[in-house]
Amino acid sequence: MYVELHSRSAFSFLRGSSSPENLAYIAAEQELPALALCDRDGIFGAPRFYTAAKEAGIRPLVGSELTMTDGTVLPVLVKSRTGYQNLSRLISRAKLRSPKNESAIDWTELIEFREGLICLTGDQEGPLHQALVSGDFAGADKRLTNLMRCFDADHLFIEIQRHHQRDEPWIERQLLLLAEKHRL
């Protein structure tokens, strides 16, 4: 069974084009049991998505792609009401201190607000992928170790995406090695 855990709506400017409602309806047409909406640095489309997904008969999963202070992007999903509150606090805190249309979350804030959240390691903009693209397995390992300080093994998942790009098979093998090494 496939579940898309990293979709973006038109609220993620230049990254997604569909409305939150259309994402839910298309997921239902494709007979997906659930769909996660992870817009960049916000949960702007979450209410509309949640309502449409419920109407379409799929399970709505809410999250966000968080831009970190080091420039990497970390997707997190909400697991509970506390998680939604913590994600809202993280985003609000970052938006209040950042220039308009920017946001950056410090890694220490993830530790403070991790309760009720599930962390994915991210796509091409994620911390592991960024290190691996440079051929730095040790750097990816160190970044994963740092993530494991923020989230326990039940709340941290290595994300593998397949877009049929040239370096993907090698990166996927490295991610699987990291997952095996750290028992994720």
N, C-alpha and C. Protein backbone atom coordinates (compact mmCIF):
# COMPACT_ATOMS: atom_id res chain seq x y z
N MET A 1 0.85 -1.17 0.00
CA MET A 1 0.00 0.00 0.00
C MET A 1 0.90 1.24 0.00
N TYR A 2 0.61 2.15 -0.89
CA TYR A 2 1.39 3.38 -1.02
C TYR A 2 0.64 4.55 -0.38
N VAL A 3 1.36 5.36 0.36
CA VAL A 3 0.82 6.61 0.91
C VAL A 3 1.84 7.70 0.65
N GLU A 4 1.42 8.76 -0.01
CA GLU A 4 2.30 9.91 -0.27
C GLU A 4 2.41 10.72 1.02
N LEU A 5 3.63 10.83 1.53
CA LEU A 5 3.86 11.53 2.80
C LEU A 5 4.50 12.90 2.62
N HIS A 6 4.60 13.36 1.38
CA HIS A 6 5.35 14.59 1.16
C HIS A 6 4.78 15.38 -0.03
N SER A 7 3.49 15.66 0.01
CA SER A 7 2.89 16.44 -1.08
C SER A 7 2.86 17.92 -0.70
N ARG A 8 2.84 18.75 -1.73
CA ARG A 8 2.80 20.20 -1.53
C ARG A 8 1.63 20.77 -2.33
N SER A 9 0.99 21.76 -1.77
CA SER A 9 -0.10 22.42 -2.47
C SER A 9 0.38 23.74 -3.07
N ALA A 10 -0.54 24.47 -3.67
CA ALA A 10 -0.22 25.78 -4.25
C ALA A 10 0.22 26.77 -3.18
N PHE A 11 0.01 26.44 -1.91
CA PHE A 11 0.49 27.31 -0.82
C PHE A 11 2.02 27.25 -0.70
N SER A 12 2.64 26.28 -1.35
CA SER A 12 4.11 26.21 -1.43
C SER A 12 4.51 26.80 -2.78
N PHE A 13 4.68 28.09 -2.81
CA PHE A 13 4.92 28.83 -4.04
C PHE A 13 6.09 28.23 -4.83
N LEU A 14 5.84 27.97 -6.11
CA LEU A 14 6.80 27.39 -7.05
C LEU A 14 7.20 25.95 -6.72
N ARG A 15 6.53 25.33 -5.77
CA ARG A 15 6.83 23.93 -5.44
C ARG A 15 5.61 23.04 -5.63
N GLY A 16 4.43 23.60 -5.47
CA GLY A 16 3.19 22.85 -5.66
C GLY A 16 2.23 23.69 -6.47
N SER A 17 1.34 23.04 -7.21
CA SER A 17 0.42 23.81 -8.05
C SER A 17 -1.05 23.52 -7.79
N SER A 18 -1.36 22.40 -7.17
CA SER A 18 -2.75 22.03 -6.93
C SER A 18 -3.26 22.63 -5.63
N SER A 19 -4.55 22.87 -5.60
CA SER A 19 -5.16 23.33 -4.35
C SER A 19 -5.16 22.17 -3.35
N PRO A 20 -5.25 22.48 -2.07
CA PRO A 20 -5.33 21.40 -1.08
C PRO A 20 -6.51 20.46 -1.35
N GLU A 21 -7.62 21.04 -1.78
CA GLU A 21 -8.81 20.23 -2.07
C GLU A 21 -8.54 19.27 -3.23
N ASN A 22 -7.93 19.77 -4.31
CA ASN A 22 -7.64 18.91 -5.46
C ASN A 22 -6.70 17.77 -5.09
N LEU A 23 -5.72 18.05 -4.25
CA LEU A 23 -4.83 16.97 -3.81
C LEU A 23 -5.62 15.86 -3.14
N ALA A 24 -6.55 16.23 -2.28
CA ALA A 24 -7.37 15.24 -1.57
C ALA A 24 -8.24 14.45 -2.55
N TYR A 25 -8.88 15.14 -3.48
CA TYR A 25 -9.77 14.47 -4.42
C TYR A 25 -9.00 13.54 -5.36
N ILE A 26 -7.83 13.98 -5.82
CA ILE A 26 -7.02 13.14 -6.71
C ILE A 26 -6.50 11.91 -5.95
N ALA A 27 -6.10 12.09 -4.71
CA ALA A 27 -5.65 10.96 -3.90
C ALA A 27 -6.77 9.93 -3.75
N ALA A 28 -7.99 10.41 -3.53
CA ALA A 28 -9.13 9.50 -3.41
C ALA A 28 -9.39 8.78 -4.74
N GLU A 29 -9.29 9.50 -5.86
CA GLU A 29 -9.46 8.87 -7.17
C GLU A 29 -8.42 7.78 -7.41
N GLN A 30 -7.22 7.99 -6.90
CA GLN A 30 -6.14 7.01 -7.05
C GLN A 30 -6.21 5.91 -5.98
N GLU A 31 -7.23 5.98 -5.15
CA GLU A 31 -7.49 5.00 -4.10
C GLU A 31 -6.38 4.94 -3.06
N LEU A 32 -5.77 6.08 -2.78
CA LEU A 32 -4.81 6.15 -1.69
C LEU A 32 -5.58 6.17 -0.38
N PRO A 33 -5.14 5.44 0.63
CA PRO A 33 -5.86 5.44 1.91
C PRO A 33 -5.64 6.73 2.70
N ALA A 34 -4.51 7.41 2.42
CA ALA A 34 -4.16 8.62 3.17
C ALA A 34 -3.26 9.48 2.29
N LEU A 35 -3.10 10.73 2.70
CA LEU A 35 -2.21 11.67 2.01
C LEU A 35 -1.72 12.69 3.02
N ALA A 36 -0.43 13.00 2.95
CA ALA A 36 0.14 14.03 3.84
C ALA A 36 0.39 15.30 3.04
N LEU A 37 -0.06 16.41 3.58
CA LEU A 37 0.20 17.73 3.00
C LEU A 37 1.31 18.37 3.81
N CYS A 38 2.42 18.68 3.13
CA CYS A 38 3.60 19.28 3.79
C CYS A 38 4.01 20.54 3.04
N ASP A 39 3.30 21.62 3.23
CA ASP A 39 3.68 22.87 2.58
C ASP A 39 4.89 23.46 3.27
N ARG A 40 5.63 24.30 2.54
CA ARG A 40 6.88 24.88 3.04
C ARG A 40 6.62 25.93 4.10
N ASP A 41 7.19 25.70 5.27
CA ASP A 41 7.19 26.66 6.38
C ASP A 41 5.80 27.16 6.76
N GLY A 42 4.83 26.28 6.69
CA GLY A 42 3.49 26.69 7.10
C GLY A 42 2.48 25.57 6.97
N ILE A 43 1.34 25.79 7.57
CA ILE A 43 0.22 24.85 7.49
C ILE A 43 -1.00 25.58 6.93
N PHE A 44 -0.71 26.45 5.95
CA PHE A 44 -1.72 27.34 5.39
C PHE A 44 -2.92 26.60 4.80
N GLY A 45 -2.67 25.51 4.10
CA GLY A 45 -3.74 24.78 3.44
C GLY A 45 -4.33 23.66 4.27
N ALA A 46 -3.84 23.47 5.48
CA ALA A 46 -4.26 22.33 6.30
C ALA A 46 -5.76 22.27 6.57
N PRO A 47 -6.42 23.38 6.96
CA PRO A 47 -7.86 23.27 7.22
C PRO A 47 -8.66 22.85 5.98
N ARG A 48 -8.35 23.46 4.84
CA ARG A 48 -9.07 23.11 3.60
C ARG A 48 -8.76 21.67 3.19
N PHE A 49 -7.52 21.27 3.32
CA PHE A 49 -7.11 19.91 2.97
C PHE A 49 -7.80 18.89 3.88
N TYR A 50 -7.80 19.16 5.17
CA TYR A 50 -8.39 18.24 6.14
C TYR A 50 -9.87 18.00 5.82
N THR A 51 -10.60 19.08 5.59
CA THR A 51 -12.03 18.97 5.27
C THR A 51 -12.25 18.19 3.98
N ALA A 52 -11.50 18.53 2.94
CA ALA A 52 -11.67 17.86 1.64
C ALA A 52 -11.29 16.38 1.73
N ALA A 53 -10.23 16.06 2.45
CA ALA A 53 -9.81 14.67 2.57
C ALA A 53 -10.87 13.84 3.30
N LYS A 54 -11.42 14.40 4.36
CA LYS A 54 -12.49 13.69 5.08
C LYS A 54 -13.68 13.45 4.16
N GLU A 55 -14.06 14.48 3.40
CA GLU A 55 -15.19 14.34 2.46
C GLU A 55 -14.89 13.30 1.38
N ALA A 56 -13.63 13.22 0.96
CA ALA A 56 -13.24 12.28 -0.10
C ALA A 56 -13.01 10.87 0.43
N GLY A 57 -13.02 10.70 1.75
CA GLY A 57 -12.88 9.38 2.33
C GLY A 57 -11.45 8.89 2.50
N ILE A 58 -10.50 9.83 2.55
CA ILE A 58 -9.12 9.43 2.82
C ILE A 58 -8.67 10.05 4.14
N ARG A 59 -7.63 9.48 4.69
CA ARG A 59 -7.11 9.99 5.97
C ARG A 59 -6.18 11.17 5.70
N PRO A 60 -6.51 12.34 6.24
CA PRO A 60 -5.63 13.50 6.05
C PRO A 60 -4.49 13.49 7.06
N LEU A 61 -3.28 13.66 6.57
CA LEU A 61 -2.11 13.80 7.42
C LEU A 61 -1.56 15.20 7.19
N VAL A 62 -1.34 15.92 8.26
CA VAL A 62 -0.89 17.31 8.16
C VAL A 62 0.55 17.42 8.62
N GLY A 63 1.30 18.22 7.92
CA GLY A 63 2.68 18.46 8.29
C GLY A 63 3.20 19.72 7.64
N SER A 64 4.50 19.87 7.65
CA SER A 64 5.13 21.02 7.01
C SER A 64 6.58 20.70 6.72
N GLU A 65 7.10 21.31 5.67
CA GLU A 65 8.53 21.27 5.40
C GLU A 65 9.14 22.45 6.14
N LEU A 66 9.99 22.18 7.09
CA LEU A 66 10.59 23.24 7.90
C LEU A 66 11.98 23.60 7.37
N THR A 67 12.17 24.87 7.07
CA THR A 67 13.49 25.34 6.68
C THR A 67 14.31 25.53 7.94
N MET A 68 15.46 24.88 7.98
CA MET A 68 16.32 24.94 9.15
C MET A 68 17.36 26.04 8.99
N THR A 69 17.98 26.43 10.08
CA THR A 69 18.95 27.53 10.04
C THR A 69 20.16 27.21 9.16
N ASP A 70 20.45 25.93 8.92
CA ASP A 70 21.57 25.57 8.05
C ASP A 70 21.17 25.51 6.58
N GLY A 71 19.90 25.85 6.28
CA GLY A 71 19.42 25.88 4.90
C GLY A 71 18.81 24.58 4.42
N THR A 72 18.92 23.51 5.19
CA THR A 72 18.29 22.26 4.80
C THR A 72 16.80 22.33 5.14
N VAL A 73 16.05 21.40 4.57
CA VAL A 73 14.60 21.39 4.75
C VAL A 73 14.19 20.04 5.34
N LEU A 74 13.42 20.09 6.41
CA LEU A 74 13.05 18.89 7.15
C LEU A 74 11.52 18.76 7.20
N PRO A 75 10.96 17.72 6.58
CA PRO A 75 9.52 17.50 6.68
C PRO A 75 9.15 16.88 8.03
N VAL A 76 8.13 17.42 8.66
CA VAL A 76 7.59 16.83 9.88
C VAL A 76 6.09 16.64 9.72
N LEU A 77 5.58 15.57 10.30
CA LEU A 77 4.16 15.26 10.26
C LEU A 77 3.59 15.33 11.66
N VAL A 78 2.35 15.72 11.74
CA VAL A 78 1.65 15.82 13.01
C VAL A 78 1.09 14.45 13.38
N LYS A 79 1.36 14.03 14.60
CA LYS A 79 0.87 12.73 15.09
C LYS A 79 -0.33 12.90 16.02
N SER A 80 -0.44 14.05 16.67
CA SER A 80 -1.47 14.26 17.68
C SER A 80 -1.82 15.74 17.77
N ARG A 81 -2.80 16.03 18.60
CA ARG A 81 -3.17 17.44 18.84
C ARG A 81 -1.98 18.21 19.39
N THR A 82 -1.25 17.60 20.29
CA THR A 82 -0.05 18.24 20.84
C THR A 82 0.96 18.52 19.73
N GLY A 83 1.10 17.58 18.80
CA GLY A 83 1.99 17.78 17.67
C GLY A 83 1.57 18.95 16.81
N TYR A 84 0.27 19.09 16.58
CA TYR A 84 -0.23 20.23 15.79
C TYR A 84 0.09 21.54 16.50
N GLN A 85 -0.13 21.56 17.80
CA GLN A 85 0.18 22.76 18.57
C GLN A 85 1.68 23.06 18.53
N ASN A 86 2.50 22.04 18.66
CA ASN A 86 3.95 22.24 18.63
C ASN A 86 4.43 22.69 17.25
N LEU A 87 3.87 22.12 16.20
CA LEU A 87 4.23 22.55 14.85
C LEU A 87 3.82 24.01 14.63
N SER A 88 2.64 24.36 15.09
CA SER A 88 2.18 25.76 14.99
C SER A 88 3.12 26.69 15.74
N ARG A 89 3.55 26.28 16.91
CA ARG A 89 4.47 27.11 17.70
C ARG A 89 5.83 27.26 17.01
N LEU A 90 6.34 26.16 16.48
CA LEU A 90 7.62 26.21 15.77
C LEU A 90 7.57 27.18 14.60
N ILE A 91 6.54 27.05 13.79
CA ILE A 91 6.40 27.90 12.61
C ILE A 91 6.19 29.35 13.02
N SER A 92 5.33 29.58 14.00
CA SER A 92 5.07 30.96 14.46
C SER A 92 6.34 31.61 14.98
N ARG A 93 7.07 30.89 15.78
CA ARG A 93 8.31 31.43 16.35
C ARG A 93 9.29 31.81 15.24
N ALA A 94 9.44 30.94 14.26
CA ALA A 94 10.37 31.21 13.16
C ALA A 94 9.91 32.39 12.31
N LYS A 95 8.61 32.47 12.04
CA LYS A 95 8.08 33.57 11.22
C LYS A 95 8.20 34.91 11.93
N LEU A 96 7.98 34.93 13.23
CA LEU A 96 8.03 36.19 13.98
C LEU A 96 9.43 36.80 14.01
N ARG A 97 10.45 35.99 14.00
CA ARG A 97 11.81 36.54 14.10
C ARG A 97 12.51 36.69 12.75
N SER A 98 11.88 36.20 11.68
CA SER A 98 12.52 36.22 10.37
C SER A 98 11.99 37.35 9.50
N PRO A 99 12.78 37.78 8.51
CA PRO A 99 12.27 38.76 7.55
C PRO A 99 11.06 38.20 6.80
N LYS A 100 10.26 39.07 6.23
CA LYS A 100 9.05 38.66 5.51
C LYS A 100 9.39 37.62 4.44
N ASN A 101 8.55 36.63 4.32
CA ASN A 101 8.68 35.53 3.36
C ASN A 101 9.88 34.62 3.62
N GLU A 102 10.43 34.69 4.81
CA GLU A 102 11.53 33.80 5.17
C GLU A 102 11.19 33.12 6.50
N SER A 103 11.90 32.05 6.76
CA SER A 103 11.69 31.32 8.00
C SER A 103 12.88 30.41 8.23
N ALA A 104 13.32 30.30 9.46
CA ALA A 104 14.42 29.38 9.78
C ALA A 104 14.26 28.90 11.21
N ILE A 105 14.27 27.60 11.36
CA ILE A 105 14.10 26.97 12.67
C ILE A 105 15.44 26.43 13.13
N ASP A 106 15.76 26.70 14.37
CA ASP A 106 17.01 26.21 14.96
C ASP A 106 16.81 24.76 15.40
N TRP A 107 17.87 23.97 15.29
CA TRP A 107 17.79 22.55 15.65
C TRP A 107 17.41 22.36 17.12
N THR A 108 17.80 23.27 17.99
CA THR A 108 17.44 23.14 19.41
C THR A 108 15.94 23.30 19.61
N GLU A 109 15.30 24.06 18.74
CA GLU A 109 13.85 24.23 18.84
C GLU A 109 13.12 22.93 18.52
N LEU A 110 13.69 22.13 17.63
CA LEU A 110 13.07 20.83 17.33
C LEU A 110 12.99 19.97 18.58
N ILE A 111 14.04 20.00 19.37
CA ILE A 111 14.04 19.22 20.61
C ILE A 111 12.95 19.73 21.55
N GLU A 112 12.83 21.04 21.65
CA GLU A 112 11.84 21.64 22.54
C GLU A 112 10.41 21.32 22.12
N PHE A 113 10.15 21.25 20.81
CA PHE A 113 8.78 21.10 20.31
C PHE A 113 8.55 19.77 19.58
N ARG A 114 9.32 18.74 19.88
CA ARG A 114 9.23 17.48 19.14
C ARG A 114 8.03 16.61 19.51
N GLU A 115 7.47 16.83 20.68
CA GLU A 115 6.38 15.97 21.13
C GLU A 115 5.21 16.02 20.15
N GLY A 116 4.75 14.84 19.76
CA GLY A 116 3.61 14.74 18.85
C GLY A 116 3.97 14.92 17.39
N LEU A 117 5.26 14.96 17.07
CA LEU A 117 5.69 15.12 15.68
C LEU A 117 6.46 13.89 15.21
N ILE A 118 6.37 13.64 13.93
CA ILE A 118 7.13 12.59 13.26
C ILE A 118 8.01 13.29 12.23
N CYS A 119 9.27 12.92 12.20
CA CYS A 119 10.24 13.56 11.32
C CYS A 119 10.63 12.63 10.17
N LEU A 120 10.60 13.17 8.96
CA LEU A 120 11.15 12.50 7.79
C LEU A 120 12.49 13.17 7.48
N THR A 121 13.43 12.43 6.91
CA THR A 121 14.75 13.02 6.67
C THR A 121 14.81 13.93 5.45
N GLY A 122 13.76 13.94 4.65
CA GLY A 122 13.69 14.91 3.57
C GLY A 122 14.13 14.41 2.21
N ASP A 123 13.84 15.26 1.23
CA ASP A 123 14.17 14.95 -0.16
C ASP A 123 15.52 15.56 -0.51
N GLN A 124 15.66 16.09 -1.72
CA GLN A 124 16.94 16.64 -2.17
C GLN A 124 17.40 17.82 -1.34
N GLU A 125 16.50 18.47 -0.64
CA GLU A 125 16.87 19.60 0.21
C GLU A 125 17.10 19.19 1.66
N GLY A 126 16.91 17.92 1.95
CA GLY A 126 17.07 17.43 3.32
C GLY A 126 18.52 17.29 3.73
N PRO A 127 18.78 17.22 5.02
CA PRO A 127 20.15 17.19 5.52
C PRO A 127 20.96 15.97 5.07
N LEU A 128 20.34 14.80 5.01
CA LEU A 128 21.08 13.60 4.60
C LEU A 128 21.43 13.66 3.11
N HIS A 129 20.43 14.01 2.32
CA HIS A 129 20.63 14.08 0.87
C HIS A 129 21.70 15.11 0.52
N GLN A 130 21.67 16.25 1.20
CA GLN A 130 22.65 17.30 0.93
C GLN A 130 24.07 16.79 1.16
N ALA A 131 24.27 16.04 2.22
CA ALA A 131 25.61 15.48 2.48
C ALA A 131 25.97 14.41 1.46
N LEU A 132 25.02 13.54 1.14
CA LEU A 132 25.31 12.44 0.22
C LEU A 132 25.60 12.92 -1.19
N VAL A 133 24.93 13.96 -1.64
CA VAL A 133 25.18 14.50 -2.98
C VAL A 133 26.64 14.94 -3.10
N SER A 134 27.21 15.38 -2.00
CA SER A 134 28.62 15.78 -1.98
C SER A 134 29.55 14.58 -1.78
N GLY A 135 28.98 13.38 -1.68
CA GLY A 135 29.79 12.18 -1.46
C GLY A 135 30.25 12.01 -0.02
N ASP A 136 29.60 12.71 0.89
CA ASP A 136 30.03 12.74 2.29
C ASP A 136 29.17 11.80 3.15
N PHE A 137 29.46 10.49 3.09
CA PHE A 137 28.70 9.53 3.89
C PHE A 137 28.86 9.82 5.38
N ALA A 138 30.07 10.14 5.81
CA ALA A 138 30.32 10.43 7.23
C ALA A 138 29.51 11.65 7.67
N GLY A 139 29.40 12.65 6.80
CA GLY A 139 28.60 13.84 7.12
C GLY A 139 27.13 13.50 7.23
N ALA A 140 26.64 12.63 6.33
CA ALA A 140 25.24 12.19 6.39
C ALA A 140 25.00 11.42 7.68
N ASP A 141 25.95 10.57 8.05
CA ASP A 141 25.85 9.79 9.28
C ASP A 141 25.79 10.73 10.49
N LYS A 142 26.62 11.75 10.49
CA LYS A 142 26.63 12.71 11.59
C LYS A 142 25.30 13.47 11.66
N ARG A 143 24.78 13.86 10.50
CA ARG A 143 23.50 14.58 10.48
C ARG A 143 22.37 13.69 10.98
N LEU A 144 22.40 12.41 10.61
CA LEU A 144 21.38 11.49 11.10
C LEU A 144 21.51 11.31 12.61
N THR A 145 22.72 11.21 13.11
CA THR A 145 22.93 11.11 14.56
C THR A 145 22.36 12.34 15.27
N ASN A 146 22.56 13.51 14.69
CA ASN A 146 21.99 14.73 15.26
C ASN A 146 20.47 14.70 15.25
N LEU A 147 19.88 14.19 14.16
CA LEU A 147 18.42 14.06 14.10
C LEU A 147 17.92 13.09 15.16
N MET A 148 18.70 12.04 15.42
CA MET A 148 18.30 11.07 16.43
C MET A 148 18.36 11.65 17.84
N ARG A 149 19.08 12.73 18.02
CA ARG A 149 19.05 13.45 19.31
C ARG A 149 17.74 14.22 19.45
N CYS A 150 17.16 14.58 18.33
CA CYS A 150 15.89 15.33 18.34
C CYS A 150 14.69 14.39 18.42
N PHE A 151 14.75 13.27 17.69
CA PHE A 151 13.61 12.35 17.58
C PHE A 151 14.07 10.93 17.85
N ASP A 152 13.27 10.18 18.62
CA ASP A 152 13.62 8.78 18.85
C ASP A 152 13.29 7.96 17.60
N ALA A 153 13.68 6.70 17.60
CA ALA A 153 13.54 5.84 16.43
C ALA A 153 12.09 5.63 16.01
N ASP A 154 11.14 5.78 16.91
CA ASP A 154 9.73 5.63 16.57
C ASP A 154 9.16 6.87 15.91
N HIS A 155 9.92 7.95 15.90
CA HIS A 155 9.43 9.21 15.35
C HIS A 155 10.35 9.79 14.29
N LEU A 156 11.26 8.99 13.78
CA LEU A 156 12.21 9.43 12.75
C LEU A 156 12.27 8.38 11.65
N PHE A 157 12.06 8.81 10.41
CA PHE A 157 12.03 7.90 9.28
C PHE A 157 12.89 8.44 8.14
N ILE A 158 13.69 7.57 7.57
CA ILE A 158 14.51 7.96 6.43
C ILE A 158 13.62 7.97 5.19
N GLU A 159 13.64 9.08 4.50
CA GLU A 159 12.79 9.28 3.33
C GLU A 159 13.56 8.93 2.07
N ILE A 160 12.98 8.05 1.27
CA ILE A 160 13.55 7.69 -0.02
C ILE A 160 12.54 8.07 -1.09
N GLN A 161 13.01 8.85 -2.06
CA GLN A 161 12.15 9.25 -3.18
C GLN A 161 12.77 8.76 -4.48
N ARG A 162 11.92 8.40 -5.41
CA ARG A 162 12.40 7.93 -6.71
C ARG A 162 11.83 8.81 -7.81
N HIS A 163 12.71 9.59 -8.40
CA HIS A 163 12.34 10.46 -9.52
C HIS A 163 13.10 10.07 -10.79
N HIS A 164 13.76 8.94 -10.75
CA HIS A 164 14.51 8.40 -11.89
C HIS A 164 15.60 9.36 -12.35
N GLN A 165 16.33 9.90 -11.39
CA GLN A 165 17.47 10.75 -11.69
C GLN A 165 18.74 9.91 -11.58
N ARG A 166 19.79 10.37 -12.21
CA ARG A 166 21.02 9.60 -12.35
C ARG A 166 21.62 9.14 -11.02
N ASP A 167 21.69 10.00 -10.02
CA ASP A 167 22.37 9.65 -8.77
C ASP A 167 21.47 8.95 -7.75
N GLU A 168 20.19 8.79 -8.06
CA GLU A 168 19.26 8.22 -7.08
C GLU A 168 19.60 6.81 -6.60
N PRO A 169 19.98 5.87 -7.48
CA PRO A 169 20.28 4.52 -6.97
C PRO A 169 21.40 4.52 -5.94
N TRP A 170 22.45 5.29 -6.18
CA TRP A 170 23.56 5.36 -5.23
C TRP A 170 23.10 5.99 -3.91
N ILE A 171 22.38 7.10 -4.00
CA ILE A 171 21.90 7.77 -2.78
C ILE A 171 20.96 6.86 -2.01
N GLU A 172 20.08 6.16 -2.72
CA GLU A 172 19.17 5.23 -2.05
C GLU A 172 19.94 4.15 -1.29
N ARG A 173 20.98 3.60 -1.90
CA ARG A 173 21.80 2.58 -1.21
C ARG A 173 22.44 3.16 0.05
N GLN A 174 22.92 4.39 -0.03
CA GLN A 174 23.55 5.01 1.13
C GLN A 174 22.52 5.25 2.24
N LEU A 175 21.32 5.68 1.85
CA LEU A 175 20.26 5.90 2.84
C LEU A 175 19.86 4.58 3.51
N LEU A 176 19.80 3.51 2.72
CA LEU A 176 19.48 2.20 3.30
C LEU A 176 20.58 1.73 4.24
N LEU A 177 21.84 1.99 3.89
CA LEU A 177 22.94 1.65 4.79
C LEU A 177 22.84 2.43 6.11
N LEU A 178 22.49 3.71 6.02
CA LEU A 178 22.32 4.52 7.23
C LEU A 178 21.16 3.99 8.07
N ALA A 179 20.06 3.64 7.41
CA ALA A 179 18.90 3.11 8.13
C ALA A 179 19.26 1.81 8.85
N GLU A 180 19.99 0.96 8.17
CA GLU A 180 20.41 -0.31 8.78
C GLU A 180 21.36 -0.07 9.95
N LYS A 181 22.32 0.80 9.75
CA LYS A 181 23.31 1.09 10.80
C LYS A 181 22.64 1.61 12.06
N HIS A 182 21.66 2.48 11.90
CA HIS A 182 21.01 3.12 13.04
C HIS A 182 19.68 2.45 13.43
N ARG A 183 19.36 1.35 12.76
CA ARG A 183 18.14 0.58 13.05
C ARG A 183 16.88 1.41 12.94
N LEU A 184 16.79 2.13 11.86
CA LEU A 184 15.60 2.95 11.58
C LEU A 184 14.78 2.29 10.49
